C-alpha atoms as a PDB file:
ATOM      1  CA  MET A   1      92.844 107.835 129.261  1.00  0.00           C
ATOM      2  CA  SER A   2      90.192 108.890 126.685  1.00  0.00           C
ATOM      3  CA  HIS A   3      90.210 109.506 122.772  1.00  0.00           C
ATOM      4  CA  ARG A   4      87.028 109.174 121.947  1.00  0.00           C
ATOM      5  CA  SER A   5      84.952 111.450 119.841  1.00  0.00           C
ATOM      6  CA  PRO A   6      81.021 111.445 120.823  1.00  0.00           C
ATOM      7  CA  ASP A   7      80.190 111.539 117.058  1.00  0.00           C
ATOM      8  CA  ARG A   8      82.868 109.090 115.662  1.00  0.00           C
ATOM      9  CA  ALA A   9      83.041 105.386 116.001  1.00  0.00           C
ATOM     10  CA  GLY A  10      84.799 102.743 114.646  1.00  0.00           C
ATOM     11  CA  VAL A  11      88.512 102.177 113.408  1.00  0.00           C
ATOM     12  CA  LEU A  12      89.931 102.159 109.775  1.00  0.00           C
ATOM     13  CA  CYS A  13      92.767 100.156 108.929  1.00  0.00           C
ATOM     14  CA  ALA A  14      94.922 101.145 106.230  1.00  0.00           C
ATOM     15  CA  GLY A  15      98.137  99.572 104.360  1.00  0.00           C
ATOM     16  CA  SER A  16      99.929  96.695 104.067  1.00  0.00           C
ATOM     17  CA  VAL A  17      97.472  93.806 103.259  1.00  0.00           C
ATOM     18  CA  MET A  18      99.453  90.676 102.147  1.00  0.00           C
ATOM     19  CA  VAL A  19      99.077  86.897 102.872  1.00  0.00           C
ATOM     20  CA  ASP A  20     101.610  85.017 105.560  1.00  0.00           C
ATOM     21  CA  VAL A  21     102.642  81.959 104.305  1.00  0.00           C
ATOM     22  CA  SER A  22     103.960  79.630 107.679  1.00  0.00           C
ATOM     23  CA  LYS A  23     106.276  77.499 107.711  1.00  0.00           C
ATOM     24  CA  VAL A  24     107.330  75.491 111.058  1.00  0.00           C
ATOM     25  CA  ILE A  25     110.577  74.268 110.582  1.00  0.00           C
ATOM     26  CA  ASP A  26     112.991  71.622 112.895  1.00  0.00           C
ATOM     27  CA  SER A  27     115.554  74.471 112.696  1.00  0.00           C
ATOM     28  CA  TYR A  28     116.988  77.195 110.532  1.00  0.00           C
ATOM     29  CA  PRO A  29     119.712  75.427 107.781  1.00  0.00           C
ATOM     30  CA  ALA A  30     123.141  76.923 106.862  1.00  0.00           C
ATOM     31  CA  ARG A  31     123.122  77.883 103.807  1.00  0.00           C
ATOM     32  CA  ASP A  32     122.998  74.710 101.046  1.00  0.00           C
ATOM     33  CA  HIS A  33     121.522  72.726 103.470  1.00  0.00           C
ATOM     34  CA  VAL A  34     118.150  71.510 104.160  1.00  0.00           C
ATOM     35  CA  ALA A  35     115.497  72.180 107.089  1.00  0.00           C
ATOM     36  CA  ARG A  36     112.431  69.852 107.489  1.00  0.00           C
ATOM     37  CA  ILE A  37     108.680  71.882 107.473  1.00  0.00           C
ATOM     38  CA  GLU A  38     106.699  70.507 110.052  1.00  0.00           C
ATOM     39  CA  SER A  39     103.532  72.035 109.198  1.00  0.00           C
ATOM     40  CA  VAL A  40     102.156  74.805 106.510  1.00  0.00           C
ATOM     41  CA  SER A  41      99.380  78.022 107.721  1.00  0.00           C
ATOM     42  CA  ILE A  42      97.803  80.338 105.125  1.00  0.00           C
ATOM     43  CA  SER A  43      96.476  83.188 106.911  1.00  0.00           C
ATOM     44  CA  SER A  44      95.202  87.073 106.045  1.00  0.00           C
ATOM     45  CA  GLY A  45      98.396  89.418 107.048  1.00  0.00           C
ATOM     46  CA  GLY A  46      99.978  92.654 107.147  1.00  0.00           C
ATOM     47  CA  PRO A  47      99.955  95.500 109.914  1.00  0.00           C
ATOM     48  CA  GLY A  48      97.174  97.132 108.511  1.00  0.00           C
ATOM     49  CA  LEU A  49      95.051  93.835 107.725  1.00  0.00           C
ATOM     50  CA  ASN A  50      96.088  92.184 110.763  1.00  0.00           C
ATOM     51  CA  LEU A  51      94.698  94.747 113.209  1.00  0.00           C
ATOM     52  CA  ALA A  52      91.387  94.719 111.592  1.00  0.00           C
ATOM     53  CA  VAL A  53      91.162  90.883 112.047  1.00  0.00           C
ATOM     54  CA  ASP A  54      92.580  91.239 115.568  1.00  0.00           C
ATOM     55  CA  LEU A  55      89.800  93.503 116.681  1.00  0.00           C
ATOM     56  CA  ARG A  56      86.740  92.162 115.287  1.00  0.00           C
ATOM     57  CA  ARG A  57      88.267  88.432 116.867  1.00  0.00           C
ATOM     58  CA  LEU A  58      88.895  90.394 119.972  1.00  0.00           C
ATOM     59  CA  GLY A  59      85.086  91.123 119.813  1.00  0.00           C
ATOM     60  CA  ALA A  60      84.771  95.079 118.879  1.00  0.00           C
ATOM     61  CA  GLU A  61      81.351  96.197 118.529  1.00  0.00           C
ATOM     62  CA  PHE A  62      82.091  99.286 116.619  1.00  0.00           C
ATOM     63  CA  PRO A  63      82.838  99.242 113.091  1.00  0.00           C
ATOM     64  CA  VAL A  64      85.947  98.374 111.545  1.00  0.00           C
ATOM     65  CA  ALA A  65      87.081  99.094 108.289  1.00  0.00           C
ATOM     66  CA  LEU A  66      89.609  98.257 105.671  1.00  0.00           C
ATOM     67  CA  ALA A  67      91.769 100.410 102.885  1.00  0.00           C
ATOM     68  CA  GLY A  68      94.743  98.919 100.994  1.00  0.00           C
ATOM     69  CA  VAL A  69      94.998  96.777  97.655  1.00  0.00           C
ATOM     70  CA  ILE A  70      94.803  93.420  96.486  1.00  0.00           C
ATOM     71  CA  GLY A  71      95.073  92.060  93.328  1.00  0.00           C
ATOM     72  CA  ASP A  72      92.517  89.135  91.312  1.00  0.00           C
ATOM     73  CA  ASP A  73      94.899  86.183  92.609  1.00  0.00           C
ATOM     74  CA  GLU A  74      94.156  83.897  95.297  1.00  0.00           C
ATOM     75  CA  HIS A  75      95.559  85.069  97.538  1.00  0.00           C
ATOM     76  CA  GLY A  76      93.352  88.259  97.687  1.00  0.00           C
ATOM     77  CA  ASP A  77      90.402  85.962  97.171  1.00  0.00           C
ATOM     78  CA  LEU A  78      91.347  84.701 100.764  1.00  0.00           C
ATOM     79  CA  VAL A  79      91.612  88.419 101.816  1.00  0.00           C
ATOM     80  CA  VAL A  80      88.472  89.313 100.800  1.00  0.00           C
ATOM     81  CA  GLU A  81      86.812  86.447 102.708  1.00  0.00           C
ATOM     82  CA  GLU A  82      88.126  86.751 105.878  1.00  0.00           C
ATOM     83  CA  CYS A  83      86.825  89.993 105.999  1.00  0.00           C
ATOM     84  CA  ARG A  84      83.479  89.081 104.546  1.00  0.00           C
ATOM     85  CA  ARG A  85      83.311  86.838 107.285  1.00  0.00           C
ATOM     86  CA  LEU A  86      84.786  88.840 109.929  1.00  0.00           C
ATOM     87  CA  GLY A  87      82.398  91.862 109.248  1.00  0.00           C
ATOM     88  CA  ILE A  88      85.191  94.043 108.168  1.00  0.00           C
ATOM     89  CA  ASP A  89      83.724  97.174 105.808  1.00  0.00           C
ATOM     90  CA  VAL A  90      86.204  96.425 102.540  1.00  0.00           C
ATOM     91  CA  ALA A  91      84.273  99.220 100.261  1.00  0.00           C
ATOM     92  CA  ARG A  92      87.856 100.962 100.598  1.00  0.00           C
ATOM     93  CA  LEU A  93      90.029  97.870  99.413  1.00  0.00           C
ATOM     94  CA  THR A  94      91.193  97.754  95.409  1.00  0.00           C
ATOM     95  CA  ARG A  95      91.591  94.855  93.304  1.00  0.00           C
ATOM     96  CA  VAL A  96      94.174  95.456  90.592  1.00  0.00           C
ATOM     97  CA  PRO A  97      93.241  93.117  87.571  1.00  0.00           C
ATOM     98  CA  GLY A  98      96.194  90.820  86.985  1.00  0.00           C
ATOM     99  CA  GLY A  99      98.180  92.213  90.182  1.00  0.00           C
ATOM    100  CA  ARG A 100      99.115  90.190  92.456  1.00  0.00           C
ATOM    101  CA  THR A 101      98.361  90.137  95.985  1.00  0.00           C
ATOM    102  CA  ALA A 102     101.099  90.597  98.430  1.00  0.00           C
ATOM    103  CA  PHE A 103     102.666  87.692  99.904  1.00  0.00           C
ATOM    104  CA  THR A 104     105.295  86.697 102.760  1.00  0.00           C
ATOM    105  CA  ASP A 105     107.104  83.424 103.882  1.00  0.00           C
ATOM    106  CA  VAL A 106     107.432  83.297 107.441  1.00  0.00           C
ATOM    107  CA  MET A 107     110.153  80.738 108.332  1.00  0.00           C
ATOM    108  CA  VAL A 108     109.078  79.535 111.618  1.00  0.00           C
ATOM    109  CA  GLU A 109     111.460  77.672 114.243  1.00  0.00           C
ATOM    110  CA  LYS A 110     109.903  74.879 115.747  1.00  0.00           C
ATOM    111  CA  ILE A 111     111.901  75.923 119.364  1.00  0.00           C
ATOM    112  CA  GLY A 112     110.862  78.957 120.354  1.00  0.00           C
ATOM    113  CA  GLY A 113     109.109  80.393 117.617  1.00  0.00           C
ATOM    114  CA  ARG A 114     111.484  82.623 116.105  1.00  0.00           C
ATOM    115  CA  ARG A 115     110.620  83.976 112.828  1.00  0.00           C
ATOM    116  CA  THR A 116     112.342  84.280 109.035  1.00  0.00           C
ATOM    117  CA  PHE A 117     110.780  86.562 106.405  1.00  0.00           C
ATOM    118  CA  PHE A 118     111.114  86.457 102.454  1.00  0.00           C
ATOM    119  CA  HIS A 119     108.356  88.793 101.459  1.00  0.00           C
ATOM    120  CA  HIS A 120     107.043  90.094  98.031  1.00  0.00           C
ATOM    121  CA  ALA A 121     105.569  93.056  97.766  1.00  0.00           C
ATOM    122  CA  GLY A 122     103.094  92.528  94.789  1.00  0.00           C
ATOM    123  CA  VAL A 123     100.542  95.188  94.328  1.00  0.00           C
ATOM    124  CA  ASN A 124     101.507  96.982  97.628  1.00  0.00           C
ATOM    125  CA  ASP A 125     104.525  98.716  95.572  1.00  0.00           C
ATOM    126  CA  ALA A 126     102.260 100.779  93.150  1.00  0.00           C
ATOM    127  CA  MET A 127      99.460 101.386  96.400  1.00  0.00           C
ATOM    128  CA  ASP A 128      98.673 104.869  96.756  1.00  0.00           C
ATOM    129  CA  LEU A 129      96.527 105.691  99.521  1.00  0.00           C
ATOM    130  CA  SER A 130      97.457 109.711  99.551  1.00  0.00           C
ATOM    131  CA  THR A 131      94.502 109.597  97.507  1.00  0.00           C
ATOM    132  CA  LEU A 132      92.529 107.923  99.419  1.00  0.00           C
ATOM    133  CA  ASP A 133      88.680 110.632 100.134  1.00  0.00           C
ATOM    134  CA  LEU A 134      88.432 110.467 103.986  1.00  0.00           C
ATOM    135  CA  SER A 135      86.442 113.352 103.784  1.00  0.00           C
ATOM    136  CA  ALA A 136      83.270 111.447 104.724  1.00  0.00           C
ATOM    137  CA  THR A 137      84.619 109.033 107.168  1.00  0.00           C
ATOM    138  CA  THR A 138      82.830 108.632 110.371  1.00  0.00           C
ATOM    139  CA  GLU A 139      85.283 106.448 111.754  1.00  0.00           C
ATOM    140  CA  ARG A 140      86.925 107.726 115.416  1.00  0.00           C
ATOM    141  CA  ILE A 141      90.595 106.154 115.021  1.00  0.00           C
ATOM    142  CA  PHE A 142      92.747 105.786 111.447  1.00  0.00           C
ATOM    143  CA  HIS A 143      95.698 103.099 112.117  1.00  0.00           C
ATOM    144  CA  VAL A 144      98.441 102.623 109.678  1.00  0.00           C
ATOM    145  CA  GLY A 145     100.680  99.939 108.851  1.00  0.00           C
ATOM    146  CA  ALA A 146     103.180 100.006 107.621  1.00  0.00           C
ATOM    147  CA  PRO A 147     105.952 102.306 105.952  1.00  0.00           C
ATOM    148  CA  GLY A 148     108.950 100.863 104.518  1.00  0.00           C
ATOM    149  CA  LEU A 149     106.806  97.883 102.660  1.00  0.00           C
ATOM    150  CA  HIS A 150     105.700 100.176  99.684  1.00  0.00           C
ATOM    151  CA  GLU A 151     107.471 101.556  96.986  1.00  0.00           C
ATOM    152  CA  THR A 152     105.283 104.343  96.450  1.00  0.00           C
ATOM    153  CA  MET A 153     103.908 105.255  99.610  1.00  0.00           C
ATOM    154  CA  ASP A 154     107.630 105.208 100.978  1.00  0.00           C
ATOM    155  CA  ALA A 155     109.184 107.467  98.421  1.00  0.00           C
ATOM    156  CA  PRO A 156     110.512 110.874  99.519  1.00  0.00           C
ATOM    157  CA  LEU A 157     108.538 113.962  97.970  1.00  0.00           C
ATOM    158  CA  PRO A 158     109.542 116.700  96.432  1.00  0.00           C
ATOM    159  CA  ASP A 159     108.014 118.957  99.492  1.00  0.00           C
ATOM    160  CA  GLY A 160     109.931 116.332 102.398  1.00  0.00           C
ATOM    161  CA  GLY A 161     108.248 113.663 104.191  1.00  0.00           C
ATOM    162  CA  ASN A 162     106.368 111.180 101.583  1.00  0.00           C
ATOM    163  CA  ARG A 163     102.625 109.848 101.240  1.00  0.00           C
ATOM    164  CA  TRP A 164     102.535 108.394 104.344  1.00  0.00           C
ATOM    165  CA  ALA A 165     103.007 111.472 106.037  1.00  0.00           C
ATOM    166  CA  ARG A 166     100.375 113.227 103.608  1.00  0.00           C
ATOM    167  CA  LEU A 167      97.701 110.590 104.227  1.00  0.00           C
ATOM    168  CA  LEU A 168      98.136 110.815 108.155  1.00  0.00           C
ATOM    169  CA  ASP A 169      97.753 114.869 107.367  1.00  0.00           C
ATOM    170  CA  ALA A 170      94.520 113.891 105.796  1.00  0.00           C
ATOM    171  CA  ALA A 171      93.061 111.763 108.583  1.00  0.00           C
ATOM    172  CA  ARG A 172      93.621 114.294 111.243  1.00  0.00           C
ATOM    173  CA  SER A 173      91.846 116.855 108.325  1.00  0.00           C
ATOM    174  CA  ALA A 174      88.877 114.617 108.619  1.00  0.00           C
ATOM    175  CA  GLY A 175      89.262 114.397 112.084  1.00  0.00           C
ATOM    176  CA  LEU A 176      90.419 111.017 112.332  1.00  0.00           C
ATOM    177  CA  GLN A 177      92.465 110.078 115.591  1.00  0.00           C
ATOM    178  CA  THR A 178      95.746 108.395 113.881  1.00  0.00           C
ATOM    179  CA  ASN A 179      98.136 105.678 115.146  1.00  0.00           C
ATOM    180  CA  LEU A 180     101.027 104.170 113.208  1.00  0.00           C
ATOM    181  CA  GLU A 181     102.869 100.944 113.587  1.00  0.00           C
ATOM    182  CA  LEU A 182     106.006  99.973 112.059  1.00  0.00           C
ATOM    183  CA  VAL A 183     107.664  96.595 111.037  1.00  0.00           C
ATOM    184  CA  SER A 184     111.727  96.192 111.848  1.00  0.00           C
ATOM    185  CA  LEU A 185     113.869  97.492 109.601  1.00  0.00           C
ATOM    186  CA  GLN A 186     116.855  98.943 109.477  1.00  0.00           C
ATOM    187  CA  ALA A 187     117.779 101.965 111.742  1.00  0.00           C
ATOM    188  CA  ASP A 188     118.293 104.088 108.929  1.00  0.00           C
ATOM    189  CA  ARG A 189     115.341 103.191 106.961  1.00  0.00           C
ATOM    190  CA  LEU A 190     113.135 102.729 109.307  1.00  0.00           C
ATOM    191  CA  ARG A 191     113.885 106.540 110.278  1.00  0.00           C
ATOM    192  CA  GLU A 192     113.739 108.149 106.715  1.00  0.00           C
ATOM    193  CA  VAL A 193     110.616 106.484 105.875  1.00  0.00           C
ATOM    194  CA  ALA A 194     108.604 107.063 109.295  1.00  0.00           C
ATOM    195  CA  LEU A 195     110.238 110.237 111.037  1.00  0.00           C
ATOM    196  CA  SER A 196     107.915 112.642 108.970  1.00  0.00           C
ATOM    197  CA  CYS A 197     105.274 110.868 110.286  1.00  0.00           C
ATOM    198  CA  LEU A 198     105.307 110.728 114.103  1.00  0.00           C
ATOM    199  CA  PRO A 199     104.071 114.923 113.960  1.00  0.00           C
ATOM    200  CA  ARG A 200     101.374 113.519 112.538  1.00  0.00           C
ATOM    201  CA  LEU A 201      99.939 110.575 115.128  1.00  0.00           C
ATOM    202  CA  ASP A 202      98.370 110.867 118.024  1.00  0.00           C
ATOM    203  CA  SER A 203      99.395 107.163 119.250  1.00  0.00           C
ATOM    204  CA  ILE A 204     101.865 105.084 118.179  1.00  0.00           C
ATOM    205  CA  VAL A 205     102.637 101.503 119.120  1.00  0.00           C
ATOM    206  CA  ILE A 206     105.429  99.783 118.678  1.00  0.00           C
ATOM    207  CA  ASN A 207     108.207  97.305 119.777  1.00  0.00           C
ATOM    208  CA  GLU A 208     111.330  98.263 121.520  1.00  0.00           C
ATOM    209  CA  VAL A 209     113.477  97.256 118.761  1.00  0.00           C
ATOM    210  CA  GLU A 210     111.751  99.947 116.264  1.00  0.00           C
ATOM    211  CA  ALA A 211     111.404 102.694 119.055  1.00  0.00           C
ATOM    212  CA  ALA A 212     115.279 102.733 119.350  1.00  0.00           C
ATOM    213  CA  ALA A 213     115.766 102.920 115.721  1.00  0.00           C
ATOM    214  CA  MET A 214     113.677 105.864 115.469  1.00  0.00           C
ATOM    215  CA  THR A 215     114.896 107.528 117.946  1.00  0.00           C
ATOM    216  CA  GLY A 216     118.320 106.991 117.506  1.00  0.00           C
ATOM    217  CA  ALA A 217     118.759 105.267 121.072  1.00  0.00           C
ATOM    218  CA  GLU A 218     120.703 101.817 122.559  1.00  0.00           C
ATOM    219  CA  ILE A 219     118.890  99.348 124.101  1.00  0.00           C
ATOM    220  CA  PRO A 220     120.598  97.829 127.845  1.00  0.00           C
ATOM    221  CA  ALA A 221     121.853  94.513 126.827  1.00  0.00           C
ATOM    222  CA  GLY A 222     120.882  91.814 128.914  1.00  0.00           C
ATOM    223  CA  ASP A 223     118.150  89.878 129.761  1.00  0.00           C
ATOM    224  CA  ASP A 224     116.734  91.925 132.784  1.00  0.00           C
ATOM    225  CA  VAL A 225     114.271  94.717 131.398  1.00  0.00           C
ATOM    226  CA  ASP A 226     115.675  98.593 132.214  1.00  0.00           C
ATOM    227  CA  TRP A 227     111.981  99.435 132.611  1.00  0.00           C
ATOM    228  CA  PRO A 228     113.161 102.907 132.964  1.00  0.00           C
ATOM    229  CA  ALA A 229     114.508 102.959 130.186  1.00  0.00           C
ATOM    230  CA  MET A 230     111.731 102.055 128.038  1.00  0.00           C
ATOM    231  CA  GLU A 231     109.504 104.348 129.212  1.00  0.00           C
ATOM    232  CA  ASP A 232     112.446 106.576 128.372  1.00  0.00           C
ATOM    233  CA  LEU A 233     112.043 105.684 124.602  1.00  0.00           C
ATOM    234  CA  ALA A 234     108.550 106.231 124.743  1.00  0.00           C
ATOM    235  CA  ARG A 235     109.206 110.140 125.647  1.00  0.00           C
ATOM    236  CA  LYS A 236     111.574 110.761 123.260  1.00  0.00           C
ATOM    237  CA  LEU A 237     108.629 109.672 120.778  1.00  0.00           C
ATOM    238  CA  LEU A 238     106.647 112.162 121.836  1.00  0.00           C
ATOM    239  CA  ALA A 239     109.074 114.385 122.488  1.00  0.00           C
ATOM    240  CA  LEU A 240     109.548 113.638 118.239  1.00  0.00           C
ATOM    241  CA  GLY A 241     106.284 114.508 117.613  1.00  0.00           C
ATOM    242  CA  VAL A 242     103.976 111.946 118.934  1.00  0.00           C
ATOM    243  CA  ARG A 243     100.866 113.747 120.223  1.00  0.00           C
ATOM    244  CA  ARG A 244      99.456 111.937 123.177  1.00  0.00           C
ATOM    245  CA  VAL A 245     100.283 108.278 123.897  1.00  0.00           C
ATOM    246  CA  ALA A 246     102.985 106.139 123.018  1.00  0.00           C
ATOM    247  CA  VAL A 247     102.878 102.895 123.441  1.00  0.00           C
ATOM    248  CA  ILE A 248     106.133 100.029 123.357  1.00  0.00           C
ATOM    249  CA  HIS A 249     105.883  96.437 123.851  1.00  0.00           C
ATOM    250  CA  PHE A 250     108.718  94.126 124.362  1.00  0.00           C
ATOM    251  CA  PRO A 251     109.093  90.031 125.109  1.00  0.00           C
ATOM    252  CA  ALA A 252     108.630  91.414 129.096  1.00  0.00           C
ATOM    253  CA  GLY A 253     105.652  93.146 128.844  1.00  0.00           C
ATOM    254  CA  GLY A 254     104.979  96.884 127.755  1.00  0.00           C
ATOM    255  CA  VAL A 255     104.600 100.486 128.845  1.00  0.00           C
ATOM    256  CA  ALA A 256     102.906 103.446 127.942  1.00  0.00           C
ATOM    257  CA  VAL A 257     103.670 107.348 128.539  1.00  0.00           C
ATOM    258  CA  THR A 258     101.442 110.038 128.047  1.00  0.00           C
ATOM    259  CA  ALA A 259     101.963 113.859 126.538  1.00  0.00           C
ATOM    260  CA  ASP A 260     100.837 114.999 130.384  1.00  0.00           C
ATOM    261  CA  GLY A 261     104.125 112.873 131.838  1.00  0.00           C
ATOM    262  CA  ARG A 262     102.556 109.725 133.183  1.00  0.00           C
ATOM    263  CA  SER A 263     103.372 106.643 132.657  1.00  0.00           C
ATOM    264  CA  TRP A 264     102.708 103.181 133.370  1.00  0.00           C
ATOM    265  CA  ARG A 265     103.957  99.512 133.178  1.00  0.00           C
ATOM    266  CA  HIS A 266     102.259  96.038 132.515  1.00  0.00           C
ATOM    267  CA  GLY A 267     104.076  92.612 132.782  1.00  0.00           C
ATOM    268  CA  SER A 268     103.430  89.640 129.896  1.00  0.00           C
ATOM    269  CA  VAL A 269     101.765  87.312 130.446  1.00  0.00           C
ATOM    270  CA  ARG A 270     103.915  84.096 132.227  1.00  0.00           C
ATOM    271  CA  LEU A 271     103.900  81.011 128.841  1.00  0.00           C
ATOM    272  CA  ALA A 272     106.133  78.336 128.823  1.00  0.00           C
ATOM    273  CA  PRO A 273     108.607  77.791 126.383  1.00  0.00           C
ATOM    274  CA  GLU A 274     106.466  74.998 124.707  1.00  0.00           C
ATOM    275  CA  GLN A 275     103.677  76.991 124.959  1.00  0.00           C
ATOM    276  CA  VAL A 276     104.646  79.699 122.867  1.00  0.00           C
ATOM    277  CA  VAL A 277     103.958  77.928 118.509  1.00  0.00           C
ATOM    278  CA  SER A 278     104.941  81.106 116.554  1.00  0.00           C
ATOM    279  CA  THR A 279     105.587  85.056 117.515  1.00  0.00           C
ATOM    280  CA  LEU A 280     104.100  86.049 114.226  1.00  0.00           C
ATOM    281  CA  GLY A 281     101.197  89.024 114.543  1.00  0.00           C
ATOM    282  CA  ALA A 282     101.962  89.095 118.533  1.00  0.00           C
ATOM    283  CA  GLY A 283     102.961  92.696 117.867  1.00  0.00           C
ATOM    284  CA  ASP A 284     100.047  93.406 116.274  1.00  0.00           C
ATOM    285  CA  ALA A 285      98.045  91.728 118.359  1.00  0.00           C
ATOM    286  CA  PHE A 286      99.239  93.724 120.976  1.00  0.00           C
ATOM    287  CA  ALA A 287      98.111  96.604 119.333  1.00  0.00           C
ATOM    288  CA  SER A 288      94.589  95.482 118.761  1.00  0.00           C
ATOM    289  CA  GLY A 289      94.115  95.514 122.836  1.00  0.00           C
ATOM    290  CA  VAL A 290      95.589  99.202 123.133  1.00  0.00           C
ATOM    291  CA  ILE A 291      93.714 100.374 119.726  1.00  0.00           C
ATOM    292  CA  LEU A 292      90.160  98.907 121.142  1.00  0.00           C
ATOM    293  CA  GLY A 293      91.087 100.505 125.014  1.00  0.00           C
ATOM    294  CA  LEU A 294      92.199 103.679 123.274  1.00  0.00           C
ATOM    295  CA  HIS A 295      88.711 103.490 121.517  1.00  0.00           C
ATOM    296  CA  GLU A 296      86.466 102.501 124.369  1.00  0.00           C
ATOM    297  CA  GLY A 297      88.201 105.299 126.809  1.00  0.00           C
ATOM    298  CA  TRP A 298      89.618 102.978 129.323  1.00  0.00           C
ATOM    299  CA  PRO A 299      92.044 103.677 131.890  1.00  0.00           C
ATOM    300  CA  MET A 300      95.399 102.965 130.372  1.00  0.00           C
ATOM    301  CA  GLU A 301      95.955 100.306 132.758  1.00  0.00           C
ATOM    302  CA  ARG A 302      93.233  98.266 131.480  1.00  0.00           C
ATOM    303  CA  VAL A 303      94.366  98.632 128.265  1.00  0.00           C
ATOM    304  CA  LEU A 304      98.190  97.171 128.445  1.00  0.00           C
ATOM    305  CA  ARG A 305      96.110  94.109 130.638  1.00  0.00           C
ATOM    306  CA  LEU A 306      94.063  93.443 127.527  1.00  0.00           C
ATOM    307  CA  ALA A 307      97.347  94.337 125.044  1.00  0.00           C
ATOM    308  CA  VAL A 308      99.511  91.676 126.663  1.00  0.00           C
ATOM    309  CA  SER A 309      96.688  88.782 127.068  1.00  0.00           C
ATOM    310  CA  ALA A 310      95.635  89.338 123.264  1.00  0.00           C
ATOM    311  CA  ALA A 311      99.391  89.120 122.812  1.00  0.00           C
ATOM    312  CA  ALA A 312      99.363  85.646 124.623  1.00  0.00           C
ATOM    313  CA  ALA A 313      96.910  84.394 122.720  1.00  0.00           C
ATOM    314  CA  CYS A 314      98.641  84.863 119.463  1.00  0.00           C
ATOM    315  CA  VAL A 315     101.496  83.104 119.846  1.00  0.00           C
ATOM    316  CA  GLN A 316     100.067  79.826 121.019  1.00  0.00           C
ATOM    317  CA  SER A 317      98.888  79.112 117.838  1.00  0.00           C
ATOM    318  CA  LEU A 318     100.586  79.342 114.149  1.00  0.00           C
ATOM    319  CA  GLY A 319      98.436  81.453 111.937  1.00  0.00           C
ATOM    320  CA  THR A 320      99.068  85.516 112.256  1.00  0.00           C
ATOM    321  CA  SER A 321      95.742  85.477 114.347  1.00  0.00           C
ATOM    322  CA  ASP A 322      94.002  82.414 114.874  1.00  0.00           C
ATOM    323  CA  GLY A 323      94.488  82.064 118.579  1.00  0.00           C
ATOM    324  CA  ILE A 324      92.562  85.709 119.189  1.00  0.00           C
ATOM    325  CA  ARG A 325      89.506  84.814 121.091  1.00  0.00           C
ATOM    326  CA  SER A 326      87.450  87.345 122.905  1.00  0.00           C
ATOM    327  CA  ALA A 327      88.940  90.162 125.017  1.00  0.00           C
ATOM    328  CA  GLU A 328      86.981  88.381 127.709  1.00  0.00           C
ATOM    329  CA  THR A 329      88.769  85.121 127.359  1.00  0.00           C
ATOM    330  CA  CYS A 330      92.118  86.266 126.491  1.00  0.00           C
ATOM    331  CA  LEU A 331      91.835  88.320 129.865  1.00  0.00           C
ATOM    332  CA  ALA A 332      90.845  85.242 131.190  1.00  0.00           C
ATOM    333  CA  ALA A 333      93.021  83.067 130.013  1.00  0.00           C
ATOM    334  CA  ALA A 334      95.803  85.662 131.068  1.00  0.00           C
ATOM    335  CA  GLU A 335      94.923  85.944 134.514  1.00  0.00           C
ATOM    336  CA  ALA A 336      95.081  82.309 134.806  1.00  0.00           C
ATOM    337  CA  ALA A 337      98.786  81.877 133.536  1.00  0.00           C
ATOM    338  CA  GLY A 338      99.327  84.737 135.620  1.00  0.00           C
ATOM    339  CA  PHE A 339     101.862  88.222 134.326  1.00  0.00           C
ATOM    340  CA  ARG A 340     105.397  88.888 134.958  1.00  0.00           C
ATOM    341  CA  PRO A 341     106.335  91.046 137.586  1.00  0.00           C
ATOM    342  CA  VAL A 342     106.641  94.885 137.057  1.00  0.00           C
ATOM    343  CA  PRO A 343     109.525  96.702 139.170  1.00  0.00           C
END
């Protein structure tokens, strides 16, 4: 399917901008006990910034820009330097004098790569992107991530919705196609901050836990994936207002369903457990493959194949985006490893 607008090109990413401090631990300790930190990695992070970085790492040739806030501290310097190195436009990235850039301490278990997050919102709590002037934008896609981490943006407005919904309205009025990514919060909280956004979206890319939370559905228990149930989650997101396509990712792969009723499935890349260093950023990597493919008007099968390939590349390194290479390299590595079967 094609989302191309011939008079526009590029992706503007907005929302969460932070730094991830990843620490690999031997195991997660009980309270009052000790875990050994085996390695430390500092990288740019946040669902707004990660998508911009991942698009560039995949080799996106179209313009990529970032809107958000950072402090004037060392973490803010890291964000600016990373964007400069990758050619990400930061004209709409605001530095707050005396402010602290948001950061997350990520504890990554050595075996299996499971993560626990300790987040400090910093200047993100006061961020108000609803005042962002989008009237002169030339980008094609407006990506937002992620409601639930920003006090001012998340707060309900008297006329309904919140500033995320207001921002998405402004983006659509400016001619941008809108996409949303979420973080895995408690179900009630996720619906509270994001449900009003769905009718303002052209597309959504989230995981199965977030999709179940948004739709009030239950994920079938067990190790075997219920693929029709995953597609049904995507259909429920469309019924809640998403206009064009809902994409859901999970460890075994991903599904996509479009408003005209078509659906696609794709298995994830076969990786041995010891190849998984950290799952931090895997959802953002998957989303970057989807957004790159939608921007370029690729067939959905190819979109999902790049998405699972980018996610597989991501989990094989500790940093949020360090493992991602060009789209061609990610796809070649995934083809060599093989994909999990899809019924």
